[in-house]
N, C-alpha and C. Protein backbone atom coordinates (compact mmCIF):
# COMPACT_ATOMS: atom_id res chain seq x y z
N UNK A 1 24.59 -8.82 -14.80
CA UNK A 1 24.40 -8.22 -15.90
C UNK A 1 23.69 -9.43 -16.92
N UNK A 2 22.71 -8.20 -17.74
CA UNK A 2 21.63 -9.17 -18.79
C UNK A 2 22.40 -9.35 -20.06
N UNK A 3 22.38 -10.98 -20.28
CA UNK A 3 22.38 -11.35 -21.35
C UNK A 3 21.96 -10.41 -22.76
N UNK A 4 22.89 -10.18 -23.54
CA UNK A 4 22.96 -9.55 -24.78
C UNK A 4 22.03 -10.53 -25.46
N UNK A 5 21.32 -10.37 -26.28
CA UNK A 5 20.36 -10.67 -27.08
C UNK A 5 19.98 -10.36 -29.03
N UNK A 6 20.27 -9.12 -28.79
CA UNK A 6 20.16 -8.75 -29.89
C UNK A 6 20.77 -7.22 -29.78
N UNK A 7 21.15 -6.95 -30.88
CA UNK A 7 21.88 -5.72 -30.70
C UNK A 7 21.70 -4.67 -32.35
N UNK A 8 21.42 -3.38 -32.14
CA UNK A 8 21.02 -2.34 -33.32
C UNK A 8 22.46 -1.92 -34.04
N UNK A 9 22.97 -1.49 -34.89
CA UNK A 9 23.47 -0.49 -35.13
C UNK A 9 22.72 0.48 -36.57
N UNK A 10 22.50 1.45 -36.08
CA UNK A 10 21.46 2.54 -37.12
C UNK A 10 23.21 2.94 -37.91
N UNK A 11 22.61 3.04 -39.34
CA UNK A 11 24.30 3.41 -39.99
C UNK A 11 23.57 4.69 -40.86
N UNK A 12 24.38 5.59 -40.61
CA UNK A 12 24.29 6.51 -42.86
C UNK A 12 25.13 6.86 -43.38
N UNK A 13 25.75 5.35 -43.66
CA UNK A 13 26.68 4.97 -44.48
C UNK A 13 28.33 6.17 -44.58
N UNK A 14 28.19 6.92 -43.59
CA UNK A 14 29.66 7.87 -43.02
C UNK A 14 30.37 6.62 -42.75
N UNK A 15 31.78 7.58 -42.95
CA UNK A 15 32.76 6.64 -41.90
C UNK A 15 32.76 6.45 -40.72
N UNK A 16 31.93 7.82 -40.08
CA UNK A 16 32.02 7.56 -38.79
C UNK A 16 30.75 5.95 -38.43
N UNK A 17 30.06 6.09 -39.05
CA UNK A 17 29.19 4.69 -39.16
C UNK A 17 30.08 3.40 -38.62
N UNK A 18 30.89 3.43 -39.73
CA UNK A 18 32.19 2.45 -39.75
C UNK A 18 32.37 1.69 -38.07
N UNK A 19 32.79 2.14 -37.40
CA UNK A 19 33.57 2.57 -36.07
C UNK A 19 32.18 1.36 -35.18
N UNK A 20 31.06 2.14 -35.19
CA UNK A 20 29.82 1.50 -34.48
C UNK A 20 29.24 0.00 -35.05
N UNK A 21 29.39 -0.32 -36.33
CA UNK A 21 29.56 -1.20 -37.18
C UNK A 21 30.73 -2.56 -36.52
N UNK A 22 31.90 -1.41 -36.57
CA UNK A 22 32.90 -2.00 -35.82
C UNK A 22 32.74 -3.03 -34.59
N UNK A 23 31.98 -2.28 -33.59
CA UNK A 23 31.76 -1.90 -32.24
C UNK A 23 30.78 -3.29 -31.86
N UNK A 24 29.51 -2.82 -32.90
CA UNK A 24 28.74 -3.77 -33.00
C UNK A 24 28.90 -4.78 -32.87
N UNK A 25 29.89 -4.72 -33.95
CA UNK A 25 29.67 -6.51 -35.02
C UNK A 25 30.50 -7.69 -33.45
N UNK A 26 31.36 -6.97 -33.32
CA UNK A 26 32.43 -7.62 -32.33
C UNK A 26 31.20 -7.99 -30.97
N UNK A 27 30.88 -7.41 -30.46
CA UNK A 27 30.13 -7.26 -29.70
C UNK A 27 28.76 -8.50 -29.90
N UNK A 28 28.34 -8.20 -30.20
CA UNK A 28 27.93 -9.18 -30.84
C UNK A 28 27.66 -10.49 -31.22
N UNK A 29 29.24 -10.76 -31.53
CA UNK A 29 29.82 -12.20 -32.14
C UNK A 29 29.72 -12.87 -30.19
N UNK A 30 30.69 -11.75 -29.90
CA UNK A 30 31.19 -12.29 -28.17
C UNK A 30 30.12 -12.67 -27.44
N UNK A 31 28.77 -12.12 -27.92
CA UNK A 31 28.03 -12.23 -26.48
C UNK A 31 26.99 -13.53 -27.60
N UNK A 32 27.11 -13.55 -29.09
CA UNK A 32 26.55 -14.82 -29.73
C UNK A 32 25.03 -14.20 -29.85
N UNK A 33 24.93 -12.76 -30.17
CA UNK A 33 23.70 -11.95 -29.93
C UNK A 33 23.26 -11.81 -31.30
N UNK A 34 21.68 -11.64 -31.73
CA UNK A 34 21.65 -11.04 -32.62
C UNK A 34 22.05 -9.51 -33.18
N UNK A 35 22.71 -8.94 -34.62
CA UNK A 35 23.01 -8.20 -35.10
C UNK A 35 21.71 -7.57 -35.97
N UNK A 36 21.13 -6.44 -35.74
CA UNK A 36 20.19 -5.40 -36.71
C UNK A 36 21.17 -4.71 -37.04
N UNK A 37 21.87 -4.48 -38.89
CA UNK A 37 22.38 -3.27 -39.05
C UNK A 37 21.12 -2.42 -40.28
N UNK A 38 20.47 -1.22 -39.51
CA UNK A 38 19.69 -0.85 -40.02
C UNK A 38 20.03 0.65 -40.72
N UNK A 39 19.29 1.05 -41.44
CA UNK A 39 19.41 2.25 -42.55
C UNK A 39 18.31 2.90 -42.56
N UNK A 40 18.86 4.49 -42.09
CA UNK A 40 16.87 4.81 -42.91
C UNK A 40 17.66 5.65 -43.73
N UNK A 41 16.35 5.19 -44.69
CA UNK A 41 16.64 5.96 -46.23
C UNK A 41 16.58 7.27 -46.23
N UNK A 42 17.03 8.21 -47.53
CA UNK A 42 16.49 9.92 -46.81
C UNK A 42 15.19 10.22 -48.33
N UNK A 43 14.77 10.68 -47.82
CA UNK A 43 13.09 10.80 -48.73
C UNK A 43 13.72 11.47 -49.86
N UNK A 44 14.32 12.56 -49.88
CA UNK A 44 15.11 13.12 -50.17
C UNK A 44 15.44 12.31 -51.70
N UNK A 45 15.74 11.49 -51.65
CA UNK A 45 16.53 10.81 -52.71
C UNK A 45 15.23 10.29 -53.80
N UNK A 46 14.74 10.63 -53.28
CA UNK A 46 12.84 9.43 -53.92
C UNK A 46 12.98 10.83 -55.21
N UNK A 47 13.56 11.87 -55.47
CA UNK A 47 13.17 12.52 -56.29
C UNK A 47 14.67 12.65 -57.71
N UNK A 48 14.04 12.73 -58.29
CA UNK A 48 15.49 12.17 -59.59
C UNK A 48 15.23 13.29 -60.50
N UNK A 49 15.57 14.54 -61.18
CA UNK A 49 15.61 15.03 -61.71
C UNK A 49 16.72 15.02 -62.98
N UNK A 50 15.83 15.98 -64.14
CA UNK A 50 16.48 15.68 -65.38
C UNK A 50 16.78 17.27 -65.72
N UNK A 51 17.78 17.40 -66.67
CA UNK A 51 18.26 18.56 -67.01
C UNK A 51 17.95 17.97 -68.60
N UNK A 52 16.96 17.73 -69.28
CA UNK A 52 17.02 18.28 -70.59
C UNK A 52 16.53 19.50 -71.48
N UNK A 53 16.29 20.35 -71.18
CA UNK A 53 15.45 21.30 -71.43
C UNK A 53 14.23 21.60 -70.84
N UNK A 54 13.16 20.63 -70.54
CA UNK A 54 12.55 21.25 -70.12
C UNK A 54 12.16 21.06 -68.45
N UNK A 55 13.08 21.33 -67.74
CA UNK A 55 13.02 21.49 -66.34
C UNK A 55 12.21 20.02 -65.44
N UNK A 56 11.72 18.93 -66.33
CA UNK A 56 11.31 17.82 -65.57
C UNK A 56 11.79 17.47 -63.83
N UNK A 57 10.79 17.62 -63.21
CA UNK A 57 11.88 16.48 -61.85
C UNK A 57 10.57 15.90 -61.88
N UNK A 58 10.75 14.51 -61.52
CA UNK A 58 9.69 13.59 -61.36
C UNK A 58 10.26 12.66 -59.40
N UNK A 59 9.26 12.37 -59.10
CA UNK A 59 9.50 11.51 -57.77
C UNK A 59 9.62 9.38 -58.25
N UNK A 60 10.66 9.46 -57.81
CA UNK A 60 10.86 7.75 -57.36
C UNK A 60 9.66 7.14 -56.72
N UNK A 61 9.41 6.07 -57.80
CA UNK A 61 8.33 5.33 -56.10
C UNK A 61 9.42 4.61 -55.09
N UNK A 62 8.85 4.20 -54.16
CA UNK A 62 9.61 4.42 -52.34
C UNK A 62 9.95 2.93 -53.00
N UNK A 63 9.16 2.18 -53.74
CA UNK A 63 10.03 0.66 -53.55
C UNK A 63 11.75 1.14 -54.59
N UNK A 64 11.76 1.75 -55.05
CA UNK A 64 13.40 1.88 -55.78
C UNK A 64 13.55 2.94 -55.10
N UNK A 65 13.58 3.56 -54.18
CA UNK A 65 13.82 4.15 -53.71
C UNK A 65 14.60 3.17 -52.18
N UNK A 66 13.56 2.53 -51.82
CA UNK A 66 13.94 1.21 -50.59
C UNK A 66 15.54 0.20 -51.38
N UNK A 67 14.84 0.06 -52.36
CA UNK A 67 15.90 -1.16 -53.52
C UNK A 67 16.84 -0.37 -53.62
N UNK A 68 17.67 1.33 -54.10
CA UNK A 68 18.79 1.64 -53.88
C UNK A 68 19.84 2.17 -52.41
N UNK A 69 18.49 1.97 -51.27
CA UNK A 69 18.97 2.09 -50.05
C UNK A 69 19.74 0.92 -49.93
N UNK A 70 19.01 -0.27 -50.53
CA UNK A 70 19.66 -1.66 -49.47
C UNK A 70 20.89 -1.56 -50.67
N UNK A 71 21.13 -1.63 -52.13
CA UNK A 71 22.26 -1.83 -52.55
C UNK A 71 23.50 -1.08 -52.49
N UNK A 72 22.94 0.23 -51.54
CA UNK A 72 24.36 1.63 -51.19
C UNK A 72 24.60 0.73 -49.95
N UNK A 73 23.13 -0.37 -48.93
CA UNK A 73 23.98 -0.99 -47.68
C UNK A 73 24.47 -1.80 -47.97
N UNK A 74 24.69 -2.66 -49.31
CA UNK A 74 25.29 -3.34 -49.66
C UNK A 74 26.59 -3.14 -49.65
N UNK A 75 26.87 -2.35 -50.24
CA UNK A 75 28.03 -1.98 -50.98
C UNK A 75 28.93 -1.34 -49.50
N UNK A 76 28.01 -0.35 -49.02
CA UNK A 76 28.90 -0.10 -47.74
C UNK A 76 29.44 -1.18 -46.48
N UNK A 77 28.53 -1.91 -46.70
CA UNK A 77 29.18 -3.40 -45.94
C UNK A 77 30.25 -4.45 -46.17
N UNK A 78 30.43 -4.11 -47.43
CA UNK A 78 31.73 -4.61 -47.99
C UNK A 78 32.94 -4.83 -47.60
N UNK A 79 33.36 -3.94 -47.01
CA UNK A 79 34.30 -4.13 -46.25
C UNK A 79 34.52 -4.45 -44.54
N UNK A 80 33.42 -4.71 -44.35
CA UNK A 80 33.33 -4.94 -42.85
C UNK A 80 32.45 -7.57 -43.45
N UNK A 81 32.82 -7.63 -44.09
CA UNK A 81 32.02 -8.89 -44.35
C UNK A 81 32.86 -9.67 -43.33
N UNK A 82 34.22 -9.89 -43.40
CA UNK A 82 34.78 -10.85 -42.65
C UNK A 82 34.28 -10.61 -40.64
N UNK A 83 34.23 -9.70 -40.42
CA UNK A 83 33.84 -9.29 -39.11
C UNK A 83 32.59 -9.94 -38.92
N UNK A 84 31.22 -9.36 -39.74
CA UNK A 84 30.17 -9.72 -40.07
C UNK A 84 30.08 -11.43 -40.11
N UNK A 85 30.93 -12.13 -40.36
CA UNK A 85 30.66 -13.47 -40.82
C UNK A 85 31.01 -13.76 -39.10
N UNK A 86 31.30 -13.52 -38.12
CA UNK A 86 31.13 -14.21 -36.59
C UNK A 86 29.90 -14.13 -35.94
N UNK A 87 29.23 -13.03 -36.61
CA UNK A 87 27.99 -12.76 -35.93
C UNK A 87 26.93 -13.77 -36.23
N UNK A 88 26.43 -14.76 -35.03
CA UNK A 88 25.36 -15.69 -35.30
C UNK A 88 23.71 -15.00 -36.27
N UNK A 89 23.67 -14.15 -35.93
CA UNK A 89 22.25 -13.91 -37.28
C UNK A 89 22.69 -12.34 -37.27
N UNK A 90 22.30 -12.71 -38.49
CA UNK A 90 22.84 -10.84 -38.89
C UNK A 90 21.36 -10.59 -40.51
N UNK A 91 20.69 -9.19 -39.48
CA UNK A 91 20.04 -8.92 -40.06
C UNK A 91 19.97 -7.36 -40.54
N UNK A 92 19.66 -6.85 -42.10
CA UNK A 92 19.63 -5.50 -42.28
C UNK A 92 18.49 -5.24 -42.34
N UNK A 93 17.88 -3.91 -42.27
CA UNK A 93 16.46 -2.92 -42.36
C UNK A 93 16.93 -2.12 -42.65
N UNK A 94 15.99 -1.47 -43.81
CA UNK A 94 16.08 -0.67 -44.45
C UNK A 94 14.74 0.01 -44.46
N UNK A 95 14.89 1.37 -43.47
CA UNK A 95 12.81 1.85 -43.49
C UNK A 95 13.28 3.42 -43.77
N UNK A 96 12.33 4.16 -43.95
CA UNK A 96 11.78 5.49 -44.87
C UNK A 96 11.13 6.14 -44.19
N UNK A 97 11.58 7.15 -43.61
CA UNK A 97 10.92 8.68 -42.64
C UNK A 97 12.56 9.06 -41.34
N UNK A 98 11.44 9.68 -40.34
CA UNK A 98 12.32 10.12 -39.75
C UNK A 98 13.47 9.51 -38.73
N UNK A 99 15.00 10.05 -38.68
CA UNK A 99 16.24 9.24 -38.17
C UNK A 99 15.92 8.77 -37.17
N UNK A 100 15.34 9.39 -35.96
CA UNK A 100 15.64 8.95 -34.66
C UNK A 100 14.50 8.36 -34.44
N UNK A 101 13.20 8.64 -35.13
CA UNK A 101 12.15 8.24 -34.95
C UNK A 101 11.92 6.46 -34.98
N UNK A 102 12.22 6.62 -36.63
CA UNK A 102 12.61 4.98 -36.96
C UNK A 102 13.67 4.35 -36.18
N UNK A 103 14.98 4.59 -35.55
CA UNK A 103 15.89 3.90 -34.72
C UNK A 103 14.91 3.56 -33.40
N UNK A 104 13.98 4.34 -32.93
CA UNK A 104 13.31 3.76 -31.97
C UNK A 104 12.79 3.04 -32.20
N UNK A 105 11.33 2.77 -33.38
CA UNK A 105 10.62 1.75 -33.48
C UNK A 105 11.18 0.32 -34.27
N UNK A 106 12.83 0.45 -34.97
CA UNK A 106 13.10 -0.85 -35.31
C UNK A 106 13.87 -1.59 -33.93
N UNK A 107 14.14 -0.27 -32.95
CA UNK A 107 14.03 -1.09 -31.70
C UNK A 107 13.02 -1.32 -31.05
N UNK A 108 12.38 -1.46 -30.97
CA UNK A 108 11.18 -2.08 -29.83
C UNK A 108 10.64 -2.88 -30.86
N UNK A 109 10.37 -2.91 -32.18
CA UNK A 109 10.05 -4.23 -32.70
C UNK A 109 10.97 -5.19 -32.96
N UNK A 110 12.11 -4.77 -33.05
CA UNK A 110 13.57 -5.69 -32.45
C UNK A 110 13.72 -6.63 -31.86
N UNK A 111 13.11 -5.84 -30.51
CA UNK A 111 12.88 -6.31 -28.63
C UNK A 111 14.02 -5.59 -28.23
N UNK A 112 15.00 -5.09 -28.73
CA UNK A 112 16.77 -4.61 -28.71
C UNK A 112 17.07 -4.95 -27.39
N UNK A 113 18.06 -4.98 -27.21
CA UNK A 113 18.83 -4.81 -25.89
C UNK A 113 19.71 -3.69 -25.87
N UNK A 114 20.20 -3.42 -26.90
CA UNK A 114 21.38 -2.20 -27.50
C UNK A 114 21.15 -1.25 -28.31
N UNK A 115 21.43 -0.68 -28.51
CA UNK A 115 21.58 0.14 -29.81
C UNK A 115 23.49 0.72 -29.80
N UNK A 116 23.94 0.82 -30.58
CA UNK A 116 25.23 0.39 -30.67
C UNK A 116 25.13 2.46 -31.50
N UNK A 117 25.43 3.51 -31.64
CA UNK A 117 25.62 4.47 -32.31
C UNK A 117 26.79 4.65 -32.54
N UNK A 118 27.01 5.44 -33.50
CA UNK A 118 28.34 6.08 -33.69
C UNK A 118 28.84 7.35 -33.72
N UNK A 119 30.19 7.72 -33.08
CA UNK A 119 30.60 8.82 -32.76
C UNK A 119 29.99 9.85 -33.55
N UNK A 120 29.92 11.07 -33.25
CA UNK A 120 29.93 12.17 -35.16
C UNK A 120 30.49 13.16 -34.22
N UNK A 121 31.04 13.64 -35.20
CA UNK A 121 32.81 14.51 -34.98
C UNK A 121 31.03 16.16 -34.66
N UNK A 122 31.76 16.97 -33.95
CA UNK A 122 30.75 18.45 -33.63
C UNK A 122 31.71 18.99 -35.09
N UNK A 123 29.75 19.99 -35.99
CA UNK A 123 30.70 20.70 -36.99
C UNK A 123 30.24 21.93 -36.26
N UNK A 124 31.42 23.00 -37.09
CA UNK A 124 30.80 25.13 -36.46
C UNK A 124 30.77 24.89 -35.31
N UNK A 125 30.30 26.17 -35.05
CA UNK A 125 30.51 26.48 -33.61
C UNK A 125 29.23 26.40 -32.71
N UNK A 126 29.33 25.78 -31.21
CA UNK A 126 28.52 25.50 -30.33
C UNK A 126 27.98 27.26 -29.60
N UNK A 127 26.59 26.81 -29.57
CA UNK A 127 26.36 28.35 -28.72
C UNK A 127 25.80 28.07 -27.79
N UNK A 128 26.41 28.47 -26.75
CA UNK A 128 26.46 28.15 -25.20
C UNK A 128 25.46 28.94 -24.56
């Protein structure tokens, strides 16, 4: 079996993603592998609405969207600092775009050996 050198854990900052972070960080610590925790910022958060009677809406600059997403990711990771301390090399990446495409792009750029995705609860009725 190939030795794991780099593991990527994408997160949407949900409770479901916490399980993937816990599993990915324990794998990285055990294998002495690097861990990349990535978050794809939502471009819809780039819009800021003002309700001062004028109905004005404006778009945040992309650097602000990415900075806000980085702050959100740091706050989200605070409960996991104990686990992350055992990881030999931790990288956090914030990207903007289509989630699936960005996960693939980051995995290729980082030359990842493994992507750990969180389980998702199925919502609604499935059509067969």
